[in-house]
Protein backbone atom coordinates (compact mmCIF):
# COMPACT_ATOMS: atom_id res chain seq x y z
CA MET A 1 24.85 -92.29 25.67
CA ARG A 2 24.75 -95.79 27.12
CA ARG A 3 25.80 -97.22 23.77
CA ALA A 4 28.76 -94.83 23.61
CA GLY A 5 29.77 -95.91 27.10
CA LEU A 6 29.60 -99.57 26.13
CA ILE A 7 31.71 -98.92 23.04
CA LEU A 8 34.29 -97.10 25.14
CA LEU A 9 34.42 -100.00 27.61
CA PHE A 10 34.85 -102.43 24.73
CA LEU A 11 37.72 -100.42 23.24
CA LEU A 12 39.46 -100.17 26.62
CA ALA A 13 39.09 -103.91 27.14
CA ALA A 14 40.43 -104.61 23.67
CA ALA A 15 43.42 -102.34 24.26
CA GLY A 16 44.07 -104.12 27.56
CA ALA A 17 43.91 -107.48 25.82
CA VAL A 18 46.43 -106.33 23.21
CA ARG A 19 48.79 -105.14 25.96
CA ALA A 20 48.32 -108.40 27.83
CA GLN A 21 49.38 -110.36 24.74
CA GLY A 22 52.60 -108.38 24.44
CA PRO A 23 55.95 -109.54 25.82
CA ALA A 24 55.92 -109.78 29.59
CA PRO A 25 58.56 -108.08 31.73
CA PHE A 26 61.66 -110.26 31.93
CA ALA A 27 62.58 -109.01 35.41
CA ALA A 28 60.87 -107.44 38.41
CA PHE A 29 61.50 -103.97 39.81
CA GLU A 30 63.40 -104.05 43.09
CA ARG A 31 64.63 -100.53 43.89
CA ALA A 32 65.73 -97.15 42.57
CA SER A 33 68.51 -94.78 43.50
CA ALA A 34 67.86 -91.27 44.72
CA GLU A 35 67.27 -88.82 41.87
CA VAL A 36 70.63 -87.09 42.29
CA LEU A 37 72.16 -87.98 38.92
CA ASN A 38 71.86 -85.71 35.89
CA ASP A 39 70.88 -87.61 32.74
CA PRO A 40 72.85 -90.80 33.54
CA HIS A 41 73.94 -92.76 30.50
CA ASP A 42 75.73 -96.10 30.35
CA LEU A 43 76.99 -97.94 33.41
CA ALA A 44 79.22 -100.87 34.30
CA ILE A 45 80.07 -103.13 37.22
CA GLY A 46 83.62 -102.41 38.32
CA PRO A 47 86.24 -104.91 39.52
CA ASP A 48 85.28 -103.99 43.08
CA GLY A 49 81.62 -104.95 42.49
CA ARG A 50 80.43 -101.36 42.61
CA LEU A 51 78.32 -99.71 39.94
CA TYR A 52 80.02 -96.98 37.88
CA VAL A 53 77.68 -94.60 36.06
CA ALA A 54 78.43 -92.10 33.28
CA ASP A 55 76.69 -89.12 34.91
CA LYS A 56 76.41 -87.06 31.74
CA PHE A 57 75.51 -83.52 32.76
CA ASN A 58 77.40 -83.76 36.03
CA ASN A 59 80.46 -84.47 33.87
CA ARG A 60 81.70 -87.26 36.11
CA ILE A 61 81.61 -90.96 36.88
CA ALA A 62 79.31 -91.62 39.84
CA ILE A 63 80.01 -94.65 42.03
CA LEU A 64 77.02 -96.50 43.50
CA ASP A 65 76.64 -99.42 45.85
CA ALA A 66 75.29 -102.17 43.59
CA GLU A 67 73.03 -103.54 46.33
CA THR A 68 71.51 -100.39 47.81
CA LEU A 69 72.08 -97.97 44.88
CA GLU A 70 73.41 -95.45 47.36
CA VAL A 71 75.85 -92.96 45.79
CA LEU A 72 79.23 -93.60 47.41
CA GLY A 73 81.34 -91.05 45.56
CA SER A 74 82.59 -90.03 42.13
CA PHE A 75 85.67 -89.24 40.09
CA GLY A 76 86.58 -87.07 37.14
CA ASP A 77 84.20 -84.35 38.35
CA GLY A 78 84.24 -81.50 35.82
CA GLN A 79 86.82 -83.23 33.63
CA LEU A 80 84.57 -85.69 31.77
CA TRP A 81 82.52 -83.33 29.65
CA ASN A 82 79.26 -84.86 28.41
CA VAL A 83 80.42 -88.33 29.43
CA HIS A 84 78.44 -91.21 27.90
CA ASP A 85 80.03 -94.60 28.55
CA ILE A 86 82.43 -96.58 30.75
CA SER A 87 84.01 -100.01 30.32
CA PHE A 88 86.51 -101.88 32.49
CA GLY A 89 89.33 -103.86 30.95
CA PRO A 90 90.96 -107.05 32.23
CA ASP A 91 93.54 -104.85 33.99
CA GLY A 92 90.83 -103.02 35.95
CA ARG A 93 91.34 -99.72 34.13
CA ALA A 94 88.28 -97.69 33.20
CA HIS A 95 87.87 -96.62 29.56
CA ILE A 96 85.51 -93.67 29.44
CA ALA A 97 83.75 -92.23 26.38
CA VAL A 98 84.02 -88.47 26.86
CA THR A 99 81.65 -87.39 24.12
CA GLY A 100 82.09 -83.64 24.54
CA THR A 101 85.82 -83.79 23.79
CA GLY A 102 85.77 -86.70 21.33
CA GLU A 103 88.09 -88.96 23.30
CA ILE A 104 88.48 -92.06 25.40
CA ALA A 105 89.91 -91.17 28.79
CA ILE A 106 91.70 -94.03 30.55
CA TRP A 107 91.62 -93.96 34.35
CA ALA A 108 93.20 -96.22 36.96
CA GLN A 109 92.76 -96.60 40.69
CA ASP A 110 95.43 -96.81 43.36
CA GLY A 111 95.67 -96.06 47.07
CA ALA A 112 95.19 -92.35 46.37
CA GLY A 113 92.01 -92.86 44.35
CA TRP A 114 91.21 -92.62 40.65
CA HIS A 115 93.48 -90.73 38.25
CA GLN A 116 93.84 -90.45 34.47
CA VAL A 117 96.66 -92.50 32.93
CA GLY A 118 95.99 -92.24 29.18
CA VAL A 119 93.81 -90.97 26.38
CA LEU A 120 92.71 -91.82 22.83
CA THR A 121 91.83 -88.68 20.86
CA GLY A 122 90.38 -87.56 17.53
CA LEU A 123 87.16 -89.56 17.92
CA PRO A 124 84.19 -87.32 17.05
CA ARG A 125 81.14 -87.89 19.26
CA THR A 126 82.65 -90.79 21.15
CA GLU A 127 79.49 -92.61 22.19
CA GLY A 128 80.69 -96.08 23.16
CA ALA A 129 83.74 -97.77 24.63
CA LEU A 130 84.53 -101.46 25.07
CA ALA A 131 87.64 -102.73 26.81
CA HIS A 132 87.55 -106.23 25.30
CA SER A 133 88.84 -109.39 26.95
CA ASN A 134 91.31 -109.72 24.03
CA GLY A 135 93.12 -106.58 25.21
CA ARG A 136 91.86 -104.33 22.45
CA VAL A 137 89.74 -101.24 23.01
CA TYR A 138 86.80 -100.75 20.65
CA VAL A 139 85.53 -97.21 20.23
CA MET A 140 82.30 -96.05 18.62
CA ALA A 141 82.98 -92.65 17.08
CA GLY A 142 79.36 -91.92 16.15
CA GLY A 143 80.13 -88.54 14.60
CA ALA A 144 82.31 -90.23 11.98
CA GLY A 145 80.20 -93.38 11.75
CA ARG A 146 83.22 -95.55 12.58
CA LEU A 147 83.85 -98.40 14.98
CA ILE A 148 87.59 -98.51 15.62
CA ALA A 149 89.67 -101.23 17.28
CA PHE A 150 92.81 -100.05 19.09
CA GLU A 151 95.81 -101.98 20.30
CA GLY A 152 97.37 -99.53 22.68
CA THR A 153 97.07 -96.23 20.85
CA VAL A 154 97.27 -97.78 17.37
CA PRO A 155 94.07 -98.38 15.35
CA VAL A 156 94.17 -101.88 13.85
CA ALA A 157 90.68 -102.32 12.36
CA VAL A 158 87.77 -100.10 11.33
CA ALA A 159 84.12 -100.65 10.41
CA GLY A 160 82.19 -97.77 8.82
CA GLY A 161 78.64 -96.76 7.99
CA LEU A 162 77.57 -96.42 11.64
CA TYR A 163 76.67 -92.73 11.89
CA GLY A 164 75.04 -91.96 15.22
CA ALA A 165 75.67 -95.45 16.61
CA HIS A 166 76.23 -95.72 20.34
CA ASP A 167 77.21 -98.69 22.47
CA VAL A 168 79.64 -101.54 21.89
CA ALA A 169 79.31 -104.77 23.91
CA GLU A 170 81.20 -108.06 24.00
CA ALA A 171 79.39 -111.39 23.57
CA PRO A 172 80.53 -114.60 25.30
CA ASP A 173 82.14 -115.79 22.04
CA GLY A 174 84.20 -112.59 21.76
CA SER A 175 82.11 -111.08 18.97
CA ILE A 176 80.88 -107.51 19.27
CA TRP A 177 77.40 -106.03 19.21
CA VAL A 178 76.73 -102.40 18.29
CA ALA A 179 73.56 -100.45 19.09
CA ASP A 180 73.10 -98.61 15.79
CA ASN A 181 70.74 -95.90 16.94
CA PHE A 182 70.00 -93.91 13.78
CA SER A 183 69.48 -97.05 11.67
CA ARG A 184 67.31 -98.63 14.40
CA ARG A 185 69.14 -101.93 14.43
CA LEU A 186 71.73 -104.09 16.21
CA VAL A 187 74.86 -105.08 14.32
CA GLN A 188 77.24 -107.93 15.15
CA TYR A 189 80.94 -107.92 14.21
CA SER A 190 83.82 -110.29 14.68
CA ALA A 191 86.72 -109.20 16.87
CA ASP A 192 88.45 -108.10 13.63
CA LEU A 193 85.38 -106.02 12.72
CA GLN A 194 84.05 -108.21 9.96
CA LEU A 195 80.28 -107.88 9.63
CA MET A 196 78.49 -110.98 10.90
CA ARG A 197 74.83 -110.14 11.34
CA VAL A 198 72.14 -107.46 11.53
CA ILE A 199 69.02 -107.60 13.71
CA ASP A 200 66.38 -105.09 12.64
CA HIS A 201 63.13 -107.06 12.37
CA ARG A 202 59.99 -104.98 12.79
CA LYS A 203 58.82 -107.21 15.65
CA TYR A 204 61.29 -105.42 17.93
CA GLY A 205 59.86 -101.99 17.14
CA PHE A 206 63.23 -100.27 17.65
CA ILE A 207 62.96 -96.49 17.87
CA GLY A 208 66.32 -95.54 19.34
CA PRO A 209 68.49 -98.43 20.59
CA ARG A 210 71.36 -96.70 22.41
CA TYR A 211 73.15 -98.92 24.93
CA LEU A 212 73.15 -102.64 25.56
CA ASP A 213 74.76 -105.44 27.49
CA VAL A 214 75.12 -109.16 26.81
CA ASP A 215 74.34 -111.72 29.49
CA PRO A 216 76.36 -114.95 30.00
CA ALA A 217 73.87 -116.84 27.79
CA GLY A 218 74.52 -114.43 24.91
CA ARG A 219 71.16 -112.68 25.19
CA LEU A 220 71.04 -108.97 24.41
CA VAL A 221 69.63 -106.48 26.91
CA VAL A 222 68.90 -103.36 24.86
CA ALA A 223 67.85 -99.88 26.03
CA ASP A 224 65.53 -98.52 23.33
CA GLN A 225 65.65 -94.94 24.56
CA GLU A 226 62.91 -93.22 22.56
CA GLY A 227 60.76 -96.31 23.01
CA HIS A 228 61.04 -95.95 26.82
CA ARG A 229 61.72 -99.69 27.00
CA VAL A 230 64.44 -102.23 27.68
CA LEU A 231 64.24 -105.39 25.56
CA LEU A 232 65.64 -108.87 26.23
CA ILE A 233 66.49 -110.54 22.92
CA ASP A 234 67.80 -114.03 22.18
CA PRO A 235 69.82 -113.60 18.96
CA ALA A 236 70.35 -117.38 18.69
CA ALA A 237 66.64 -118.07 18.22
CA GLY A 238 66.42 -118.25 14.45
CA GLU A 239 67.50 -115.84 11.74
CA ASP A 240 65.82 -112.79 13.29
CA GLY A 241 66.21 -113.75 16.94
CA ALA A 242 63.40 -113.76 19.50
CA LEU A 243 62.00 -111.11 21.81
CA ILE A 244 61.87 -112.70 25.26
CA GLY A 245 60.42 -109.78 27.19
CA THR A 246 60.35 -106.04 27.73
CA ILE A 247 60.38 -103.58 30.60
CA GLY A 248 58.45 -100.39 29.83
CA ASN A 249 55.20 -99.82 27.98
CA GLY A 250 56.38 -97.43 25.27
CA LEU A 251 55.45 -94.28 27.22
CA PRO A 252 57.62 -92.24 29.59
CA GLY A 253 56.88 -92.94 33.23
CA LYS A 254 58.27 -93.59 36.70
CA GLY A 255 57.65 -96.66 38.81
CA PRO A 256 57.72 -100.45 38.45
CA ASN A 257 57.99 -101.43 34.77
CA LEU A 258 58.04 -97.78 33.69
CA LEU A 259 61.05 -95.89 32.32
CA ASP A 260 61.74 -92.46 30.89
CA ASP A 261 64.37 -92.41 28.12
CA PRO A 262 66.43 -95.35 29.46
CA GLU A 263 70.04 -95.27 28.27
CA GLY A 264 72.46 -97.50 30.17
CA VAL A 265 72.33 -101.23 30.84
CA ALA A 266 74.48 -103.51 33.01
CA VAL A 267 73.90 -107.16 33.87
CA ARG A 268 75.28 -109.14 36.80
CA GLY A 269 73.93 -112.66 37.11
CA GLY A 270 70.18 -112.38 37.50
CA VAL A 271 70.29 -108.67 38.31
CA TYR A 272 69.78 -105.87 35.78
CA PHE A 273 70.71 -102.22 36.25
CA PHE A 274 69.20 -99.54 33.99
CA ALA A 275 69.94 -95.84 33.72
CA ASP A 276 66.44 -94.34 33.95
CA SER A 277 67.89 -91.25 32.36
CA ASP A 278 65.16 -88.64 32.31
CA ASN A 279 64.19 -89.65 35.85
CA ASN A 280 67.83 -88.94 36.82
CA ARG A 281 68.32 -92.24 38.60
CA VAL A 282 69.43 -95.85 38.29
CA VAL A 283 66.97 -98.70 38.81
CA ARG A 284 67.60 -102.31 39.75
CA TYR A 285 65.56 -105.27 38.49
CA VAL A 286 65.81 -108.97 39.34
CA VAL A 287 65.01 -111.95 37.15
CA ALA A 288 61.37 -112.87 36.81
CA VAL A 289 61.62 -115.18 33.77
CA ASN A 290 64.68 -117.14 32.58
């Protein structure tokens, strides 16, 4: 019996040592919102500095104070069926991936509040939207496996073979990163949708990369949903890039450095916002390691 106990202690210590050797968290937990969202997906910082969250099963965009994470209001309630993503263009308009209706809804704000001013349709399972600094809108139609670039309402470039892919994010050089969920990889394209690079090395352990953001240094902040982790990756560090750190231990949980099916990611300076989706909240982390 004593021997069995010693063996168990040894195994637990070994497991702890393995965990200790893994990538450290790249930021420290600061606070969480109230659990009043319903499966929040991607999120973005708006021109007004507030946090805008695709509140999926509430079929709306929730507006949060970026400092306190208090819910300040919402728009599109009941109109944005199964909403997944939001991106703000240089003109301040919100481009919203309304997955349930296969469209990008374009909303603008004036003195009377938010109202819809346009739409892009015929986009099956619209998972991701990017209002690029070049004026184009890039749409990930995951149901068709196509990434489509629009100028106005006219498609001008297409990349295929991306069935089930989700988010689209702009890098500092204007290139585009796609979280290719089903293929468990990240794919980089030029602004004209020419393939540039694929990151899928086993060291990342991708299970379901859904949404991502790119920080000013070009590093990728990736929500690996089924892995219950968010990864910070430097794609410039060699052919396969480098894993700088992770938040989450691979198991669903709630609390500092624990996440349950994280989906959305937004970065502002040294602050990270994650949609802790199955905990129905947004969490805020601050930089621990540069």
